[in-house]
Amino acid sequence: MSRRKQKLLRLNHEEAENVKVKVDVDKCIGAGLCVLAAPRVFAQNDETGLVIVLQEYPEPDEQEAVREAARLCPALVISFEE
């Protein structure tokens, strides 16, 4: 990865107020509530139905949706670091 791209990723990370989304895919049951709550952050694998994180560092305007997705997840596999 180029230094410029690394710098941009670092800036984007800092602008997102250091919120990092984590998912324990091994425990995911594929309910899809995360996708409904935060469709710009989460998707589901077409074959397995398991969660896919689209934005590891979501934009500030998506952070409340991520928190809601974590609350709604029946398997409690979504966490985030601030």
Protein backbone atom coordinates (compact mmCIF):
# COMPACT_ATOMS: atom_id res chain seq x y z
CA MET A 1 0.00 0.00 0.00
CA SER A 2 1.37 3.41 -0.91
CA ARG A 3 2.28 5.95 1.75
CA ARG A 4 -0.31 8.35 0.37
CA LYS A 5 -3.08 5.77 0.68
CA GLN A 6 -1.95 4.89 4.20
CA LYS A 7 -2.07 8.57 5.13
CA LEU A 8 -5.58 8.95 3.69
CA LEU A 9 -6.76 5.88 5.57
CA ARG A 10 -5.26 7.27 8.76
CA LEU A 11 -7.00 10.62 8.19
CA ASN A 12 -10.32 8.91 7.49
CA HIS A 13 -9.84 6.84 10.64
CA GLU A 14 -9.18 9.98 12.71
CA GLU A 15 -12.13 11.84 11.18
CA ALA A 16 -14.41 8.94 12.10
CA GLU A 17 -13.68 9.68 15.76
CA ASN A 18 -11.74 6.43 16.12
CA VAL A 19 -14.80 4.15 16.07
CA LYS A 20 -13.82 0.74 14.74
CA VAL A 21 -16.45 -1.93 14.02
CA LYS A 22 -15.64 -5.51 14.98
CA VAL A 23 -17.70 -8.60 14.17
CA ASP A 24 -17.23 -12.18 15.35
CA VAL A 25 -18.29 -13.85 12.10
CA ASP A 26 -17.84 -17.32 13.62
CA LYS A 27 -20.78 -16.63 15.96
CA CYS A 28 -22.98 -14.80 13.41
CA ILE A 29 -26.35 -16.52 12.82
CA GLY A 30 -27.27 -14.50 9.71
CA ALA A 31 -30.35 -12.75 11.11
CA GLY A 32 -29.60 -9.67 8.99
CA LEU A 33 -30.76 -7.07 11.52
CA CYS A 34 -27.41 -5.33 11.26
CA VAL A 35 -27.97 -4.81 7.54
CA LEU A 36 -31.40 -3.34 8.20
CA ALA A 37 -30.04 -1.00 10.88
CA ALA A 38 -26.87 0.11 9.07
CA PRO A 39 -26.93 -0.86 5.37
CA ARG A 40 -23.94 1.33 4.50
CA VAL A 41 -21.81 -0.43 7.12
CA PHE A 42 -22.99 -4.06 6.94
CA ALA A 43 -24.00 -6.52 4.22
CA GLN A 44 -24.67 -10.25 4.12
CA ASN A 45 -22.79 -12.89 2.21
CA ASP A 46 -25.09 -14.15 -0.57
CA GLU A 47 -24.10 -17.77 -0.02
CA THR A 48 -23.86 -18.05 3.77
CA GLY A 49 -26.00 -15.15 4.96
CA LEU A 50 -23.25 -14.15 7.39
CA VAL A 51 -22.35 -10.55 8.06
CA ILE A 52 -19.81 -8.62 6.00
CA VAL A 53 -18.38 -5.36 7.31
CA LEU A 54 -18.37 -2.79 4.52
CA GLN A 55 -16.86 0.03 6.59
CA GLU A 56 -14.51 -0.92 9.39
CA TYR A 57 -14.31 2.78 10.33
CA PRO A 58 -17.81 4.15 9.68
CA GLU A 59 -18.42 7.83 9.11
CA PRO A 60 -19.62 9.82 12.13
CA ASP A 61 -23.16 9.98 10.72
CA GLU A 62 -23.28 6.15 10.63
CA GLN A 63 -22.08 5.55 14.18
CA GLU A 64 -25.50 5.64 15.82
CA ALA A 65 -26.75 3.11 13.25
CA VAL A 66 -23.81 0.85 14.16
CA ARG A 67 -24.71 1.11 17.84
CA GLU A 68 -28.31 0.20 16.97
CA ALA A 69 -27.11 -2.77 14.91
CA ALA A 70 -25.07 -3.98 17.90
CA ARG A 71 -28.11 -3.68 20.15
CA LEU A 72 -30.36 -5.53 17.69
CA CYS A 73 -27.99 -8.41 16.94
CA PRO A 74 -29.50 -11.58 18.47
CA ALA A 75 -26.09 -13.30 18.53
CA LEU A 76 -24.34 -10.22 20.02
CA VAL A 77 -21.45 -10.48 17.56
CA ILE A 78 -21.05 -6.75 16.82
CA SER A 79 -18.79 -4.60 18.92
CA PHE A 80 -16.94 -1.38 18.40
CA GLU A 81 -14.00 0.45 19.86
CA GLU A 82 -14.06 4.18 20.47
